[in-house]
């Protein structure tokens, strides 16, 4: 049976929207399985909520579609993260007779100690709890047992990791070793802005300096968000250390693959690594060993990839971990092979599409009307 589905997005992120990219890659993978997925937005910021919902409903009447996959991040549905209007969209679609799945890209509420932060956190928790209850299917990008606001396992819940927003990275694996240069290259994919970014740059610089003291000159290759801003601060912290810094900024996805596969290892410093961290999954998809902070979201199948975990209280161990990966070639090769195997088994778009199709099929089977039995 050919299914027609719609991925529902809110306001677009800028300068790039990883969730929209996620939906397009998922659409391509589902198409190979006979399911069409149209990517559409509720343009609430441009048109206002009532007009945006009317416009969306006119284009996509609920009963003519197999599934609506609503993509949840707090800022996609509110300028300041007060995401309660997301429930308005979900209820509107349910009222029209649509079958709805909510894909939780944000799985926890925002932190902060100010009064406004506490109110925002309460709104987000309320929104996620009600959305999970109303949805026919809840798709979580980390294991549900890791989520604090889920009181108990739900039969409507499915765990599906995010994929890498990259085109066929496995096709570049065979060319990876041919692109290595003499000085080993350390990839950094995206840096957070603000205070968090300053701490990330500090970790990168300290690890790089430590590595040069033990194995000689290295290259640090920075790409993605805030990479141009990071370059100046990173060079200041590196001082006279023999580290060549290359900055690529925002690149088309195919060029991201070419840059990453030419590196030897990835430093993942944007907080604890998890199955919803797309930049880390990109490194795994490109067959790289990773060095990353371990946190409460860190769980299988991510732990099966080639990741060297650093406890959050031991962030100064990034340097020794980097030296071990770069200096021990058999160990590095083993980690790279584990990343490739994990990508093929868990993080490829074909696998992810298969999990979506199965989750929707099982949900439909549970709610399929049973034939009447005549005595």
Protein backbone atom coordinates (compact mmCIF):
# COMPACT_ATOMS: atom_id res chain seq x y z
CA UNK A 1 0.00 0.00 0.00
CA UNK A 2 1.29 3.45 -0.92
CA UNK A 3 1.17 5.82 2.07
CA UNK A 4 1.07 9.59 1.87
CA UNK A 5 2.60 11.30 4.91
CA UNK A 6 3.39 14.89 5.86
CA UNK A 7 6.29 16.06 8.01
CA UNK A 8 5.04 19.12 9.92
CA UNK A 9 7.58 21.79 10.84
CA UNK A 10 7.27 25.10 12.64
CA UNK A 11 9.43 28.16 12.12
CA UNK A 12 12.75 27.51 10.36
CA UNK A 13 16.02 27.67 12.23
CA UNK A 14 18.78 29.88 10.82
CA UNK A 15 21.28 29.83 9.13
CA UNK A 16 20.60 26.12 8.65
CA UNK A 17 17.70 23.97 9.79
CA UNK A 18 18.87 20.50 10.81
CA UNK A 19 15.32 19.29 11.44
CA UNK A 20 14.21 20.22 7.92
CA UNK A 21 17.28 18.44 6.52
CA UNK A 22 16.39 15.44 8.68
CA UNK A 23 12.90 15.36 7.16
CA UNK A 24 14.19 15.52 3.59
CA UNK A 25 16.63 12.66 4.13
CA UNK A 26 13.89 10.64 5.83
CA UNK A 27 11.58 11.39 2.90
CA UNK A 28 14.11 10.02 0.41
CA UNK A 29 14.57 6.84 2.43
CA UNK A 30 10.82 6.32 2.90
CA UNK A 31 10.22 6.82 -0.82
CA UNK A 32 12.27 3.71 -1.49
CA UNK A 33 9.76 1.86 0.70
CA UNK A 34 6.70 3.11 -1.15
CA UNK A 35 5.84 5.90 1.28
CA UNK A 36 5.80 9.54 0.19
CA UNK A 37 6.68 12.13 2.82
CA UNK A 38 5.93 15.77 2.03
CA UNK A 39 7.78 18.38 4.10
CA UNK A 40 5.60 21.37 5.03
CA UNK A 41 5.58 24.22 7.55
CA UNK A 42 2.94 25.82 9.69
CA UNK A 43 3.86 29.46 8.98
CA UNK A 44 2.72 30.83 12.32
CA UNK A 45 5.42 33.48 12.58
CA UNK A 46 4.68 34.94 9.14
CA UNK A 47 0.88 34.59 9.02
CA UNK A 48 -0.26 34.29 12.64
CA UNK A 49 -1.57 31.12 14.24
CA UNK A 50 -5.16 31.04 12.99
CA UNK A 51 -4.28 31.93 9.40
CA UNK A 52 -1.34 29.52 9.38
CA UNK A 53 -3.49 26.62 10.58
CA UNK A 54 -6.20 27.41 8.04
CA UNK A 55 -3.60 27.57 5.27
CA UNK A 56 -2.03 24.28 6.35
CA UNK A 57 -5.36 22.47 6.66
CA UNK A 58 -6.42 23.61 3.20
CA UNK A 59 -3.27 22.10 1.71
CA UNK A 60 -3.27 18.95 3.85
CA UNK A 61 -6.71 17.78 4.99
CA UNK A 62 -6.23 15.20 7.69
CA UNK A 63 -8.32 12.35 6.33
CA UNK A 64 -6.47 12.25 3.01
CA UNK A 65 -3.11 11.55 4.65
CA UNK A 66 -1.84 8.38 6.27
CA UNK A 67 0.32 10.12 8.88
CA UNK A 68 1.35 13.56 10.04
CA UNK A 69 4.85 13.53 11.57
CA UNK A 70 5.02 16.64 13.77
CA UNK A 71 8.60 17.71 14.48
CA UNK A 72 8.99 19.10 17.99
CA UNK A 73 11.64 21.54 19.10
CA UNK A 74 10.57 24.30 21.46
CA UNK A 75 11.94 27.18 19.38
CA UNK A 76 10.23 25.99 16.21
CA UNK A 77 6.86 26.72 17.83
CA UNK A 78 7.65 29.80 19.91
CA UNK A 79 10.05 32.72 19.58
CA UNK A 80 11.21 32.27 23.17
CA UNK A 81 10.64 28.57 23.74
CA UNK A 82 7.15 28.77 25.30
CA UNK A 83 5.99 25.92 23.13
CA UNK A 84 2.40 25.36 24.30
CA UNK A 85 0.92 26.34 20.91
CA UNK A 86 2.43 23.16 19.49
CA UNK A 87 -0.51 21.44 21.19
CA UNK A 88 -2.88 23.65 19.19
CA UNK A 89 -1.46 22.21 15.96
CA UNK A 90 -1.61 18.65 17.24
CA UNK A 91 -5.20 19.00 18.50
CA UNK A 92 -6.24 20.66 15.26
CA UNK A 93 -4.93 17.74 13.22
CA UNK A 94 -6.40 15.13 15.55
CA UNK A 95 -9.79 16.84 15.39
CA UNK A 96 -9.70 16.56 11.59
CA UNK A 97 -9.30 12.80 11.90
CA UNK A 98 -5.58 12.64 11.20
CA UNK A 99 -3.23 10.03 12.54
CA UNK A 100 -0.35 11.87 14.23
CA UNK A 101 3.17 11.03 15.33
CA UNK A 102 5.30 13.48 17.30
CA UNK A 103 9.06 13.32 16.71
CA UNK A 104 10.75 14.76 19.81
CA UNK A 105 14.04 16.35 18.73
CA UNK A 106 14.01 18.23 22.03
CA UNK A 107 13.51 15.61 24.72
CA UNK A 108 14.07 17.75 27.80
CA UNK A 109 13.15 21.27 28.85
CA UNK A 110 15.56 24.19 28.86
CA UNK A 111 17.70 24.93 31.89
CA UNK A 112 18.03 28.18 33.83
CA UNK A 113 17.32 29.48 37.34
CA UNK A 114 15.50 32.76 36.62
CA UNK A 115 11.75 32.99 37.12
CA UNK A 116 11.19 33.17 33.37
CA UNK A 117 13.36 30.05 32.94
CA UNK A 118 11.29 28.14 35.49
CA UNK A 119 8.04 29.19 33.81
CA UNK A 120 9.40 28.26 30.37
CA UNK A 121 10.53 24.88 31.72
CA UNK A 122 7.06 24.20 33.15
CA UNK A 123 5.44 25.12 29.81
CA UNK A 124 7.79 22.84 27.86
CA UNK A 125 7.29 19.90 30.21
CA UNK A 126 3.52 20.34 30.04
CA UNK A 127 3.65 20.55 26.25
CA UNK A 128 5.74 17.41 25.86
CA UNK A 129 3.67 15.37 28.31
CA UNK A 130 0.36 16.30 26.68
CA UNK A 131 1.77 15.85 23.17
CA UNK A 132 2.99 12.37 24.06
CA UNK A 133 -0.43 11.50 25.45
CA UNK A 134 -2.39 12.88 22.48
CA UNK A 135 -0.18 11.48 19.72
CA UNK A 136 -0.87 8.11 18.14
CA UNK A 137 2.90 7.56 18.15
CA UNK A 138 5.74 9.28 20.01
CA UNK A 139 9.18 9.01 18.42
CA UNK A 140 12.05 9.81 20.77
CA UNK A 141 15.59 10.39 19.55
CA UNK A 142 17.08 9.01 22.77
CA UNK A 143 15.92 5.90 24.66
CA UNK A 144 12.62 6.69 26.47
CA UNK A 145 13.97 5.35 29.76
CA UNK A 146 16.48 8.21 29.75
CA UNK A 147 13.75 10.87 29.67
CA UNK A 148 12.90 12.34 33.06
CA UNK A 149 9.31 13.39 32.40
CA UNK A 150 8.13 10.00 31.13
CA UNK A 151 6.60 8.32 34.16
CA UNK A 152 6.49 4.84 32.64
CA UNK A 153 7.19 3.10 29.33
CA UNK A 154 4.41 3.71 26.82
CA UNK A 155 3.29 1.26 24.14
CA UNK A 156 2.97 4.29 21.86
CA UNK A 157 6.67 5.22 22.24
CA UNK A 158 9.43 4.35 19.76
CA UNK A 159 13.14 5.07 20.00
CA UNK A 160 14.67 6.06 16.66
CA UNK A 161 18.09 7.79 16.63
CA UNK A 162 18.69 10.70 14.30
CA UNK A 163 20.65 10.10 11.14
CA UNK A 164 23.49 12.09 9.67
CA UNK A 165 22.24 14.84 7.36
CA UNK A 166 24.75 13.73 4.75
CA UNK A 167 24.39 12.08 1.33
CA UNK A 168 25.68 8.47 1.25
CA UNK A 169 28.78 8.95 3.44
CA UNK A 170 29.52 5.23 3.22
CA UNK A 171 30.49 5.70 -0.43
CA UNK A 172 33.43 7.83 0.71
CA UNK A 173 34.85 5.28 3.16
CA UNK A 174 36.99 3.55 0.55
CA UNK A 175 38.60 6.84 -0.43
CA UNK A 176 39.23 7.96 3.15
CA UNK A 177 42.73 6.53 3.57
CA UNK A 178 43.82 7.99 0.22
CA UNK A 179 43.01 11.52 1.41
CA UNK A 180 45.05 11.48 4.62
CA UNK A 181 47.88 14.00 4.82
CA UNK A 182 51.13 13.71 6.74
CA UNK A 183 49.99 15.74 9.75
CA UNK A 184 47.00 14.07 11.42
CA UNK A 185 43.74 16.01 11.22
CA UNK A 186 41.28 16.53 14.05
CA UNK A 187 37.73 17.43 12.97
CA UNK A 188 35.45 19.72 14.96
CA UNK A 189 31.93 19.88 13.55
CA UNK A 190 30.14 23.01 14.80
CA UNK A 191 30.81 25.10 17.87
CA UNK A 192 28.20 26.52 20.22
CA UNK A 193 27.94 30.28 20.48
CA UNK A 194 28.30 32.36 23.62
CA UNK A 195 29.73 31.18 26.93
CA UNK A 196 29.35 27.50 26.06
CA UNK A 197 31.34 28.03 22.87
CA UNK A 198 34.16 29.66 24.81
CA UNK A 199 34.43 26.56 26.99
CA UNK A 200 34.37 24.29 23.92
CA UNK A 201 37.21 26.24 22.28
CA UNK A 202 39.20 25.94 25.51
CA UNK A 203 38.80 22.14 25.46
CA UNK A 204 39.79 21.93 21.79
CA UNK A 205 42.89 24.09 22.27
CA UNK A 206 44.06 22.27 25.39
CA UNK A 207 43.65 18.88 23.70
CA UNK A 208 45.47 20.07 20.57
CA UNK A 209 48.39 21.56 22.51
CA UNK A 210 48.71 18.39 24.59
CA UNK A 211 48.75 16.30 21.42
CA UNK A 212 51.50 18.36 19.78
CA UNK A 213 53.67 17.94 22.87
CA UNK A 214 53.50 14.15 22.47
CA UNK A 215 53.19 13.42 18.75
CA UNK A 216 54.20 16.64 16.95
CA UNK A 217 52.30 18.94 14.58
CA UNK A 218 48.60 18.35 13.92
CA UNK A 219 45.80 20.02 11.99
CA UNK A 220 42.48 21.13 13.47
CA UNK A 221 39.69 21.29 10.90
CA UNK A 222 36.63 23.27 12.01
CA UNK A 223 33.41 23.35 10.02
CA UNK A 224 29.76 24.11 10.59
CA UNK A 225 28.09 26.68 12.79
CA UNK A 226 30.20 29.37 14.44
CA UNK A 227 33.41 27.94 12.95
CA UNK A 228 34.50 31.31 11.53
CA UNK A 229 34.03 32.97 14.92
CA UNK A 230 35.86 30.12 16.63
CA UNK A 231 38.98 30.46 14.48
CA UNK A 232 40.31 33.67 16.08
CA UNK A 233 39.67 32.51 19.64
CA UNK A 234 41.15 29.10 18.92
CA UNK A 235 44.34 30.53 17.44
CA UNK A 236 44.72 32.83 20.45
CA UNK A 237 44.56 29.88 22.82
CA UNK A 238 46.90 27.74 20.70
CA UNK A 239 49.62 30.38 20.78
CA UNK A 240 52.83 29.12 19.22
CA UNK A 241 51.83 25.44 19.28
CA UNK A 242 52.43 23.69 15.92
CA UNK A 243 48.76 23.44 15.06
CA UNK A 244 47.41 24.37 11.64
CA UNK A 245 43.81 25.58 11.90
CA UNK A 246 41.55 25.22 8.86
CA UNK A 247 38.06 26.72 8.93
CA UNK A 248 35.38 25.83 6.38
CA UNK A 249 32.22 27.42 7.77
CA UNK A 250 28.86 26.20 6.49
CA UNK A 251 29.28 23.75 3.62
CA UNK A 252 26.93 21.81 1.34
CA UNK A 253 26.38 18.30 2.69
CA UNK A 254 28.49 16.56 0.05
CA UNK A 255 31.45 18.83 0.86
CA UNK A 256 31.00 18.09 4.57
CA UNK A 257 31.51 14.41 3.73
CA UNK A 258 34.68 15.15 1.78
CA UNK A 259 36.13 17.22 4.61
CA UNK A 260 35.28 14.73 7.37
CA UNK A 261 36.49 11.58 5.65
CA UNK A 262 39.85 13.27 5.10
CA UNK A 263 40.26 13.66 8.88
CA UNK A 264 41.58 11.09 11.35
CA UNK A 265 39.42 11.70 14.41
CA UNK A 266 36.57 13.94 15.57
CA UNK A 267 36.42 15.88 18.81
CA UNK A 268 32.79 16.16 19.94
CA UNK A 269 32.79 18.91 22.55
CA UNK A 270 29.23 20.29 22.28
CA UNK A 271 28.08 18.77 25.54
CA UNK A 272 27.53 15.07 26.27
CA UNK A 273 27.20 12.88 23.20
CA UNK A 274 23.85 11.25 22.46
CA UNK A 275 21.78 9.66 19.71
CA UNK A 276 20.11 13.01 18.99
CA UNK A 277 23.41 14.85 18.41
CA UNK A 278 23.53 15.13 14.63
CA UNK A 279 27.10 16.45 14.45
CA UNK A 280 28.38 13.41 16.33
CA UNK A 281 26.34 11.03 14.15
CA UNK A 282 27.93 12.72 11.12
CA UNK A 283 31.36 11.73 12.39
CA UNK A 284 30.21 8.14 12.90
CA UNK A 285 28.64 8.10 9.43
CA UNK A 286 31.94 9.22 7.91
CA UNK A 287 33.75 6.36 9.65
CA UNK A 288 35.69 8.46 12.16
CA UNK A 289 36.78 7.62 15.68
CA UNK A 290 35.20 10.06 18.11
CA UNK A 291 36.33 11.51 21.40
CA UNK A 292 33.32 12.76 23.32
CA UNK A 293 31.95 13.64 26.72
CA UNK A 294 29.82 10.92 28.29
CA UNK A 295 26.54 12.05 29.86
CA UNK A 296 23.11 10.95 31.00
CA UNK A 297 21.86 10.66 27.40
CA UNK A 298 24.76 8.44 26.33
CA UNK A 299 23.34 4.99 25.66
CA UNK A 300 23.27 2.16 23.11
CA UNK A 301 23.48 1.96 20.17
CA UNK A 302 25.83 4.95 20.33
CA UNK A 303 28.11 3.05 22.68
CA UNK A 304 28.70 0.48 19.94
CA UNK A 305 30.35 3.08 17.70
CA UNK A 306 34.05 3.93 17.79
CA UNK A 307 33.83 6.46 20.61
CA UNK A 308 36.37 7.14 23.33
CA UNK A 309 34.31 8.49 26.22
CA UNK A 310 35.54 11.20 28.56
CA UNK A 311 33.65 11.65 31.87
CA UNK A 312 32.30 15.21 32.21
CA UNK A 313 34.33 15.79 35.37
CA UNK A 314 37.52 14.76 33.55
CA UNK A 315 37.39 17.07 30.52
CA UNK A 316 41.15 17.58 30.82
CA UNK A 317 41.48 14.01 29.54
CA UNK A 318 40.59 15.04 25.99
CA UNK A 319 44.32 15.52 25.36
CA UNK A 320 45.46 12.03 26.46
CA UNK A 321 42.54 10.46 24.58
CA UNK A 322 43.47 12.37 21.43
CA UNK A 323 47.11 11.26 21.71
CA UNK A 324 46.08 7.63 22.11
CA UNK A 325 43.83 7.68 19.04
CA UNK A 326 46.36 9.47 16.82
CA UNK A 327 49.45 7.56 17.98
CA UNK A 328 48.00 4.04 18.09
CA UNK A 329 47.17 3.21 14.47
CA UNK A 330 45.61 -0.24 15.13
CA UNK A 331 43.44 1.27 17.86
CA UNK A 332 42.37 4.09 15.55
CA UNK A 333 41.53 1.61 12.78
CA UNK A 334 39.49 -0.47 15.22
CA UNK A 335 37.50 2.57 16.30
CA UNK A 336 36.91 3.64 12.69
CA UNK A 337 35.62 0.17 11.83
CA UNK A 338 33.27 0.25 14.81
CA UNK A 339 31.87 3.59 13.64
CA UNK A 340 31.25 2.23 10.16
CA UNK A 341 29.52 -0.85 11.52
CA UNK A 342 27.36 1.21 13.89
CA UNK A 343 26.34 3.51 11.06
CA UNK A 344 25.33 0.59 8.85
CA UNK A 345 23.37 -1.12 11.63
CA UNK A 346 21.72 1.83 13.39
CA UNK A 347 22.24 5.27 11.87
CA UNK A 348 21.82 4.94 8.10
CA UNK A 349 18.68 6.50 6.64
CA UNK A 350 17.58 3.15 5.27
CA UNK A 351 17.57 1.69 8.79
CA UNK A 352 15.87 4.77 10.24
CA UNK A 353 13.15 4.70 7.55
CA UNK A 354 12.61 1.02 8.26
CA UNK A 355 12.09 1.79 11.95
CA UNK A 356 9.60 4.54 11.14
CA UNK A 357 7.68 2.28 8.78
CA UNK A 358 7.56 -0.52 11.36
CA UNK A 359 6.49 1.80 14.18
CA UNK A 360 3.66 3.23 12.06
CA UNK A 361 2.62 -0.23 10.90
CA UNK A 362 2.43 -1.55 14.45
CA UNK A 363 0.44 1.48 15.57
CA UNK A 364 -2.02 0.99 12.72
CA UNK A 365 -2.36 -2.70 13.56
CA UNK A 366 -3.21 -1.93 17.20
CA UNK A 367 -5.97 0.46 16.16
CA UNK A 368 -7.32 -1.53 13.23
CA UNK A 369 -11.06 -2.20 13.66
CA UNK A 370 -11.72 -5.82 14.43
CA UNK A 371 -14.29 -7.65 12.26
CA UNK A 372 -17.58 -8.39 13.96
CA UNK A 373 -18.18 -11.99 14.95
CA UNK A 374 -21.62 -13.33 14.24
CA UNK A 375 -23.03 -16.08 16.35
